[in-house]
C-alpha cells in the first residue's frame, strides 16, 4: 500500500514564496478499501494576521518568590475557523442556513452544518445567533459608563480619550489583573464621552448586524463540530490543528479489490433486475423412492430396449422421395387406375399428386420425367 505524505514542513519549504490557502494533508492507505487523511492547519500568530485575537490571561504557575505567572490566551478568529472548516470538510445546508429580520432592531441567523467523522459516520449540529440592537446599545452604554468612572485601562484607548476629553491618570489593574495606568473622564465630559462612544459603535453595528449574526451562527457550528476550545495559549497555537478523516478509496491495482468490485457490481445488477430463480430438486427422502442410478447411454446397444419402429426405419434406409421412380408393381397399379390426367409433353398418364405438384410448379400437367427435363 502506498503512503503519500505531504508534510507541512516540506510544503512550506517548497512554496516559501507563496501564500498557502489550502491545508496540508497526509494520506495513508489503511487497507485495500479505506484510507485515512489527516489535514493540517497552521495558525498565523502574527499580530495583524487576523487568525487569532486576545481574550485574556490564565495563571500557569507561581514563582519561587510567590508571585503568580500569567500567560496570555487567544481565541481562533473567523479566518482560522473557516480554514479548519474547509480541512474538516464541514458542509452547511443552504436550506437551513439563513438569516431573518425579526423586527427593526433584531436579527436572527441559523446555521446547520455536517461533517464526516473518522469512523465514517456523519455528525450534524445546528446553532443560531441573535443580535438585538436595543440590547447592544444598552450594553455599550453600561460599558463606557464604567470606563469613564473606573478608568480606561487599555493603553491605546486611554491615550486617545485623553486627547479628546478632560480627565486624569490613576493607577489601576486591567481586566487580566495586571497593574497599569488608567484614564478617568471628568464629570464635565463624561456624558459626551459615553454618547459619542455609543454612537460610533452603534453606527457600525447597524450596518453589519445581519452579517455578524450569520457569522456568529456559522462559527458556533464549526466550534461545536470540531470540539475546539474557547481559548488557547500561544504555545498551544504553535502546533498545527490536525483533523483526521477516513474515506472509501479502493486500491484498484489490487486484484482482490478488482474482483470484489466486479462481484459487487454483478450483485447490484441482480438486485436491480432480479436474479434468475433456481428450481431445487425434490429430495428423494420426500418422494419415498430410492435413488435411480440408471444411465441410458450404457444400454444403448442392449437389444432388450430396442424399438421395433426404430429397427424398421433403420432397415428401410430412410424415407422414399416420391420423385423417385416407383417400383414396377406400383407403376402397374397406377397405370390401371384411370385418373384422367395426361402429361402435355409426352401424353403419359399422371397421378393426382404429380398433377397437383406440376400445376403449382410449372403451370401445366407434366409427368415426372418431363418435369426433370423442364428444370
Protein backbone atom coordinates (compact mmCIF):
# COMPACT_ATOMS: atom_id res chain seq x y z
CA UNK A 1 0.00 0.00 0.00
CA UNK A 2 1.27 3.41 -0.97
CA UNK A 3 1.80 6.14 1.60
CA UNK A 4 1.51 9.64 0.14
CA UNK A 5 2.74 12.21 2.66
CA UNK A 6 2.74 15.97 2.17
CA UNK A 7 4.31 17.15 5.40
CA UNK A 8 3.62 20.77 6.30
CA UNK A 9 7.35 21.48 6.62
CA UNK A 10 8.06 20.17 3.12
CA UNK A 11 5.26 22.22 1.60
CA UNK A 12 6.34 25.40 3.37
CA UNK A 13 9.89 24.85 2.17
CA UNK A 14 8.88 24.17 -1.43
CA UNK A 15 6.36 27.01 -1.62
CA UNK A 16 8.19 29.50 0.57
CA UNK A 17 7.35 32.34 -1.82
CA UNK A 18 3.63 31.53 -1.97
CA UNK A 19 0.63 32.26 0.20
CA UNK A 20 -0.72 28.82 1.05
CA UNK A 21 -4.50 28.82 1.24
CA UNK A 22 -5.21 25.09 1.41
CA UNK A 23 -4.21 22.92 4.37
CA UNK A 24 -1.55 20.26 4.02
CA UNK A 25 -2.56 16.60 4.03
CA UNK A 26 -1.04 13.25 4.91
CA UNK A 27 -2.69 10.18 3.38
CA UNK A 28 -2.18 6.59 4.48
CA UNK A 29 -3.92 3.58 2.90
CA UNK A 30 -5.28 1.64 5.87
CA UNK A 31 -6.39 -1.36 3.81
CA UNK A 32 -7.26 -2.07 0.17
CA UNK A 33 -10.57 -0.25 0.60
CA UNK A 34 -10.09 2.67 3.02
CA UNK A 35 -7.53 5.39 3.54
CA UNK A 36 -7.05 7.89 6.35
CA UNK A 37 -6.34 11.52 5.54
CA UNK A 38 -5.02 13.91 8.18
CA UNK A 39 -5.46 17.58 7.29
CA UNK A 40 -3.14 20.06 9.00
CA UNK A 41 -3.99 23.74 9.52
CA UNK A 42 -1.39 26.10 10.95
CA UNK A 43 -2.45 29.34 12.65
CA UNK A 44 -0.70 32.57 11.75
CA UNK A 45 0.34 34.04 15.10
CA UNK A 46 1.49 37.41 13.80
CA UNK A 47 -0.16 40.44 15.36
CA UNK A 48 -2.08 41.59 12.28
CA UNK A 49 -2.86 38.18 10.75
CA UNK A 50 -6.48 38.09 11.90
CA UNK A 51 -6.32 34.36 12.67
CA UNK A 52 -6.44 34.90 16.45
CA UNK A 53 -7.42 37.59 18.93
CA UNK A 54 -6.52 38.07 22.56
CA UNK A 55 -9.18 37.17 25.10
CA UNK A 56 -7.38 37.23 28.44
CA UNK A 57 -4.74 35.56 30.59
CA UNK A 58 -4.54 32.36 32.58
CA UNK A 59 -2.49 31.53 35.62
CA UNK A 60 0.13 28.97 34.69
CA UNK A 61 2.13 28.76 37.93
CA UNK A 62 3.92 30.58 40.73
CA UNK A 63 7.49 31.83 41.02
CA UNK A 64 9.80 30.98 43.91
CA UNK A 65 9.05 34.39 45.37
CA UNK A 66 5.34 33.53 45.46
CA UNK A 67 4.28 35.67 42.50
CA UNK A 68 1.71 34.36 40.05
CA UNK A 69 2.77 33.56 36.50
CA UNK A 70 0.23 34.64 33.89
CA UNK A 71 0.15 33.68 30.24
CA UNK A 72 -1.90 35.42 27.58
CA UNK A 73 -4.63 33.41 25.87
CA UNK A 74 -6.08 33.76 22.39
CA UNK A 75 -9.18 32.56 20.60
CA UNK A 76 -9.39 31.45 16.94
CA UNK A 77 -10.95 34.15 14.77
CA UNK A 78 -13.10 33.75 11.67
CA UNK A 79 -10.27 33.26 9.10
CA UNK A 80 -8.70 30.42 11.09
CA UNK A 81 -12.05 28.79 11.85
CA UNK A 82 -13.04 28.85 8.17
CA UNK A 83 -9.75 27.18 7.20
CA UNK A 84 -10.36 24.49 9.81
CA UNK A 85 -13.90 24.00 8.48
CA UNK A 86 -12.56 23.52 4.95
CA UNK A 87 -9.99 21.00 6.17
CA UNK A 88 -12.60 19.09 8.17
CA UNK A 89 -14.98 19.00 5.20
CA UNK A 90 -17.80 20.76 7.04
CA UNK A 91 -20.78 21.39 4.77
CA UNK A 92 -23.61 23.83 5.50
CA UNK A 93 -27.14 23.12 4.35
CA UNK A 94 -28.29 26.19 2.37
CA UNK A 95 -31.94 25.41 3.09
CA UNK A 96 -31.36 25.56 6.85
CA UNK A 97 -28.62 28.21 6.98
CA UNK A 98 -30.22 31.61 6.69
CA UNK A 99 -30.87 34.90 8.46
CA UNK A 100 -34.12 36.67 9.23
CA UNK A 101 -35.04 40.14 10.44
CA UNK A 102 -37.45 39.73 13.31
CA UNK A 103 -38.14 43.43 13.73
CA UNK A 104 -36.47 46.78 13.05
CA UNK A 105 -33.77 46.19 15.66
CA UNK A 106 -33.45 42.39 15.88
CA UNK A 107 -31.63 40.00 13.54
CA UNK A 108 -31.57 36.21 13.89
CA UNK A 109 -29.39 33.76 11.96
CA UNK A 110 -29.44 29.95 11.94
CA UNK A 111 -26.73 27.60 10.68
CA UNK A 112 -26.90 23.85 10.07
CA UNK A 113 -23.62 22.04 9.41
CA UNK A 114 -22.44 18.46 8.99
CA UNK A 115 -19.11 16.65 8.81
CA UNK A 116 -17.90 13.07 8.42
CA UNK A 117 -16.24 11.57 11.48
CA UNK A 118 -13.05 9.43 11.32
CA UNK A 119 -15.12 6.25 11.69
CA UNK A 120 -17.15 7.16 8.60
CA UNK A 121 -20.32 8.24 10.39
CA UNK A 122 -21.84 11.68 9.98
CA UNK A 123 -22.16 14.34 12.65
CA UNK A 124 -24.51 17.31 12.44
CA UNK A 125 -25.05 20.42 14.53
CA UNK A 126 -27.40 23.38 14.37
CA UNK A 127 -26.97 26.70 16.16
CA UNK A 128 -28.21 30.27 16.00
CA UNK A 129 -27.13 33.81 16.80
CA UNK A 130 -29.45 36.69 17.69
CA UNK A 131 -28.43 40.34 17.69
CA UNK A 132 -30.81 42.87 19.24
CA UNK A 133 -29.69 46.44 18.62
CA UNK A 134 -31.56 47.73 21.67
CA UNK A 135 -29.75 45.29 23.95
CA UNK A 136 -26.41 46.03 22.31
CA UNK A 137 -26.89 49.76 22.78
CA UNK A 138 -27.68 49.27 26.46
CA UNK A 139 -24.57 47.10 26.85
CA UNK A 140 -22.40 49.72 25.16
CA UNK A 141 -23.80 52.44 27.42
CA UNK A 142 -23.03 50.47 30.59
CA UNK A 143 -19.56 49.54 29.33
CA UNK A 144 -18.48 53.12 28.54
CA UNK A 145 -20.02 54.46 31.74
CA UNK A 146 -17.88 52.02 33.75
CA UNK A 147 -14.80 53.02 31.77
CA UNK A 148 -15.40 56.72 32.34
CA UNK A 149 -15.75 56.23 36.11
CA UNK A 150 -13.26 53.43 36.86
CA UNK A 151 -10.78 54.44 34.20
CA UNK A 152 -9.87 53.34 30.69
CA UNK A 153 -7.22 50.63 31.15
CA UNK A 154 -6.40 49.89 27.51
CA UNK A 155 -3.29 51.89 26.68
CA UNK A 156 -4.25 52.95 23.15
CA UNK A 157 -7.85 53.78 24.07
CA UNK A 158 -6.77 55.72 27.16
CA UNK A 159 -4.30 57.87 25.22
CA UNK A 160 -6.88 58.61 22.51
CA UNK A 161 -9.50 59.58 25.12
CA UNK A 162 -7.00 61.83 26.94
CA UNK A 163 -6.56 63.85 23.75
CA UNK A 164 -10.32 64.47 23.37
CA UNK A 165 -11.77 64.59 26.89
CA UNK A 166 -10.74 66.09 30.21
CA UNK A 167 -9.65 63.70 32.95
CA UNK A 168 -6.76 62.38 34.99
CA UNK A 169 -4.48 59.32 35.15
CA UNK A 170 -4.67 56.85 38.02
CA UNK A 171 -3.01 53.58 39.00
CA UNK A 172 -5.26 50.60 38.32
CA UNK A 173 -5.38 46.99 37.16
CA UNK A 174 -6.63 45.86 33.79
CA UNK A 175 -9.22 43.12 33.23
CA UNK A 176 -6.49 40.48 33.41
CA UNK A 177 -5.29 41.65 36.82
CA UNK A 178 -2.12 43.37 35.68
CA UNK A 179 -1.06 46.78 37.02
CA UNK A 180 -1.43 49.64 34.55
CA UNK A 181 -2.25 53.32 34.16
CA UNK A 182 -5.93 54.17 33.63
CA UNK A 183 -7.53 57.40 32.40
CA UNK A 184 -10.65 58.63 34.24
CA UNK A 185 -13.01 61.04 32.43
CA UNK A 186 -14.05 64.18 34.31
CA UNK A 187 -17.71 64.71 35.15
CA UNK A 188 -17.97 67.60 32.69
CA UNK A 189 -17.06 65.41 29.70
CA UNK A 190 -18.39 62.07 30.93
CA UNK A 191 -21.78 62.29 29.23
CA UNK A 192 -20.19 63.43 25.98
CA UNK A 193 -17.71 60.54 26.10
CA UNK A 194 -20.46 57.98 26.70
CA UNK A 195 -22.80 59.27 23.98
CA UNK A 196 -20.09 59.54 21.36
CA UNK A 197 -18.74 56.07 22.14
CA UNK A 198 -22.22 54.54 21.91
CA UNK A 199 -22.97 56.43 18.69
CA UNK A 200 -19.77 55.27 16.97
CA UNK A 201 -20.24 51.61 17.90
CA UNK A 202 -23.97 51.50 17.13
CA UNK A 203 -23.49 53.12 13.72
CA UNK A 204 -21.07 50.36 12.77
CA UNK A 205 -23.23 47.63 14.30
CA UNK A 206 -26.37 48.71 12.42
CA UNK A 207 -24.51 48.23 9.13
CA UNK A 208 -23.14 44.80 10.00
CA UNK A 209 -25.76 43.32 12.34
CA UNK A 210 -27.14 40.82 9.80
CA UNK A 211 -23.68 39.66 8.73
CA UNK A 212 -22.49 39.41 12.34
CA UNK A 213 -25.48 37.26 13.24
CA UNK A 214 -24.84 34.86 10.35
CA UNK A 215 -21.10 34.71 11.02
CA UNK A 216 -21.72 34.07 14.69
CA UNK A 217 -24.07 31.15 13.95
CA UNK A 218 -21.65 29.57 11.45
CA UNK A 219 -18.64 29.89 13.75
CA UNK A 220 -20.59 28.35 16.60
CA UNK A 221 -21.35 25.33 14.42
CA UNK A 222 -17.68 24.98 13.42
CA UNK A 223 -16.53 25.10 17.04
CA UNK A 224 -19.13 22.54 18.08
CA UNK A 225 -18.41 20.07 15.26
CA UNK A 226 -14.63 20.19 15.71
CA UNK A 227 -14.73 20.34 19.52
CA UNK A 228 -12.41 23.35 19.72
CA UNK A 229 -11.65 25.10 22.98
CA UNK A 230 -12.63 28.67 23.61
CA UNK A 231 -9.08 29.88 24.17
CA UNK A 232 -5.51 28.70 23.62
CA UNK A 233 -2.08 29.83 24.71
CA UNK A 234 0.47 30.81 22.08
CA UNK A 235 2.42 27.66 22.85
CA UNK A 236 -0.63 25.59 22.00
CA UNK A 237 -1.34 27.58 18.85
CA UNK A 238 2.18 26.99 17.56
CA UNK A 239 1.18 23.38 16.94
CA UNK A 240 -1.00 22.85 13.84
CA UNK A 241 -4.59 21.71 14.12
CA UNK A 242 -4.91 18.13 12.81
CA UNK A 243 -8.23 16.80 11.50
CA UNK A 244 -8.32 13.04 10.68
CA UNK A 245 -10.77 11.73 8.08
CA UNK A 246 -11.42 8.19 6.79
CA UNK A 247 -12.62 7.90 3.20
CA UNK A 248 -13.58 4.99 0.94
CA UNK A 249 -10.74 4.77 -1.59
CA UNK A 250 -10.31 1.31 -3.18
CA UNK A 251 -6.85 0.33 -4.38
CA UNK A 252 -7.70 -0.75 -7.93
CA UNK A 253 -4.19 -2.11 -8.50
CA UNK A 254 -5.00 -4.93 -6.08
CA UNK A 255 -6.52 -7.92 -7.97
CA UNK A 256 -8.60 -8.87 -4.94
CA UNK A 257 -10.13 -5.39 -4.90
CA UNK A 258 -10.98 -5.58 -8.61
CA UNK A 259 -12.55 -8.99 -8.07
CA UNK A 260 -14.59 -7.73 -5.13
CA UNK A 261 -15.74 -4.64 -7.03
CA UNK A 262 -16.78 -6.78 -10.02
CA UNK A 263 -18.69 -9.14 -7.74
CA UNK A 264 -20.40 -6.20 -6.08
CA UNK A 265 -21.33 -4.80 -9.49
CA UNK A 266 -22.89 -8.10 -10.55
CA UNK A 267 -24.80 -8.29 -7.28
CA UNK A 268 -26.07 -4.76 -7.88
CA UNK A 269 -27.38 -5.77 -11.31
CA UNK A 270 -29.06 -8.78 -9.75
CA UNK A 271 -30.66 -6.58 -7.11
CA UNK A 272 -31.91 -4.19 -9.79
CA UNK A 273 -33.34 -6.70 -12.30
CA UNK A 274 -33.74 -9.74 -10.10
CA UNK A 275 -31.79 -12.99 -10.23
CA UNK A 276 -32.99 -16.00 -12.22
CA UNK A 277 -34.83 -18.37 -9.89
CA UNK A 278 -33.26 -21.76 -9.36
CA UNK A 279 -35.57 -24.77 -9.12
CA UNK A 280 -34.40 -27.07 -6.42
CA UNK A 281 -34.72 -30.80 -6.97
CA UNK A 282 -37.15 -32.63 -4.73
CA UNK A 283 -35.16 -34.73 -2.28
CA UNK A 284 -35.60 -38.48 -2.57
CA UNK A 285 -36.44 -38.60 1.10
CA UNK A 286 -39.64 -36.64 0.37
CA UNK A 287 -40.74 -38.82 -2.56
CA UNK A 288 -40.17 -42.05 -0.67
CA UNK A 289 -38.41 -43.64 -3.65
CA UNK A 290 -34.92 -44.97 -3.90
CA UNK A 291 -32.45 -43.02 -5.99
CA UNK A 292 -32.30 -44.38 -9.58
CA UNK A 293 -28.73 -44.73 -10.77
CA UNK A 294 -29.75 -45.93 -14.32
CA UNK A 295 -27.61 -44.45 -17.12
CA UNK A 296 -29.37 -44.82 -20.52
CA UNK A 297 -26.17 -44.37 -22.53
CA UNK A 298 -24.71 -47.56 -21.09
CA UNK A 299 -27.63 -49.60 -22.50
CA UNK A 300 -27.86 -48.00 -25.96
CA UNK A 301 -26.83 -51.27 -27.70
CA UNK A 302 -28.78 -53.60 -25.45
CA UNK A 303 -31.44 -55.43 -27.56
CA UNK A 304 -33.72 -55.61 -24.55
CA UNK A 305 -34.51 -51.94 -25.01
CA UNK A 306 -34.60 -51.88 -28.85
CA UNK A 307 -37.70 -50.40 -30.56
CA UNK A 308 -39.43 -52.21 -33.44
CA UNK A 309 -40.18 -48.95 -35.27
CA UNK A 310 -36.57 -47.85 -35.00
CA UNK A 311 -35.43 -51.19 -36.47
CA UNK A 312 -37.88 -50.86 -39.39
CA UNK A 313 -36.68 -47.35 -40.20
CA UNK A 314 -33.06 -48.47 -39.96
CA UNK A 315 -33.63 -51.40 -42.34
CA UNK A 316 -35.67 -49.28 -44.76
CA UNK A 317 -32.74 -46.97 -45.23
CA UNK A 318 -34.73 -43.77 -44.79
CA UNK A 319 -37.80 -42.19 -46.37
CA UNK A 320 -38.53 -42.60 -50.07
CA UNK A 321 -38.79 -39.49 -52.22
CA UNK A 322 -41.98 -39.54 -54.27
CA UNK A 323 -40.00 -38.00 -57.15
CA UNK A 324 -38.06 -41.25 -57.41
CA UNK A 325 -39.38 -43.86 -59.79
CA UNK A 326 -41.74 -46.16 -58.04
CA UNK A 327 -41.31 -49.91 -58.16
CA UNK A 328 -42.78 -51.78 -61.12
CA UNK A 329 -45.64 -53.10 -59.06
CA UNK A 330 -46.78 -49.62 -58.07
CA UNK A 331 -46.40 -48.35 -61.65
CA UNK A 332 -48.59 -51.09 -62.95
CA UNK A 333 -51.26 -50.42 -60.37
CA UNK A 334 -51.21 -46.70 -61.13
CA UNK A 335 -51.42 -47.44 -64.87
CA UNK A 336 -54.54 -49.42 -64.29
CA UNK A 337 -56.09 -46.52 -62.45
CA UNK A 338 -57.90 -44.05 -64.69
CA UNK A 339 -57.08 -40.63 -63.18
CA UNK A 340 -57.89 -38.59 -66.26
CA UNK A 341 -54.65 -36.52 -66.01
CA UNK A 342 -52.25 -36.65 -69.01
CA UNK A 343 -48.82 -35.11 -69.49
CA UNK A 344 -48.85 -32.26 -72.01
CA UNK A 345 -45.41 -33.22 -73.35
CA UNK A 346 -45.45 -36.98 -73.80
CA UNK A 347 -49.12 -37.87 -73.23
CA UNK A 348 -48.36 -40.20 -70.33
CA UNK A 349 -50.99 -40.60 -67.65
CA UNK A 350 -50.07 -38.98 -64.31
CA UNK A 351 -51.37 -39.33 -60.74
CA UNK A 352 -53.21 -36.77 -58.65
CA UNK A 353 -50.12 -35.85 -56.61
CA UNK A 354 -47.92 -35.41 -59.70
CA UNK A 355 -50.62 -33.34 -61.37
CA UNK A 356 -51.03 -31.01 -58.37
CA UNK A 357 -47.31 -30.53 -57.98
CA UNK A 358 -46.79 -29.86 -61.71
CA UNK A 359 -49.59 -27.30 -61.86
CA UNK A 360 -48.19 -25.44 -58.83
CA UNK A 361 -44.61 -25.63 -60.06
CA UNK A 362 -44.80 -25.32 -63.88
CA UNK A 363 -48.35 -24.14 -64.54
CA UNK A 364 -49.19 -27.24 -66.67
CA UNK A 365 -49.51 -31.01 -66.12
CA UNK A 366 -46.20 -32.85 -66.66
CA UNK A 367 -45.06 -36.32 -65.77
CA UNK A 368 -42.07 -36.89 -63.54
CA UNK A 369 -39.68 -37.45 -66.47
CA UNK A 370 -40.81 -34.29 -68.28
CA UNK A 371 -40.61 -32.30 -65.05
CA UNK A 372 -36.93 -33.25 -64.76
CA UNK A 373 -36.34 -32.05 -68.30
CA UNK A 374 -38.12 -28.77 -67.60
CA UNK A 375 -35.63 -27.76 -64.81
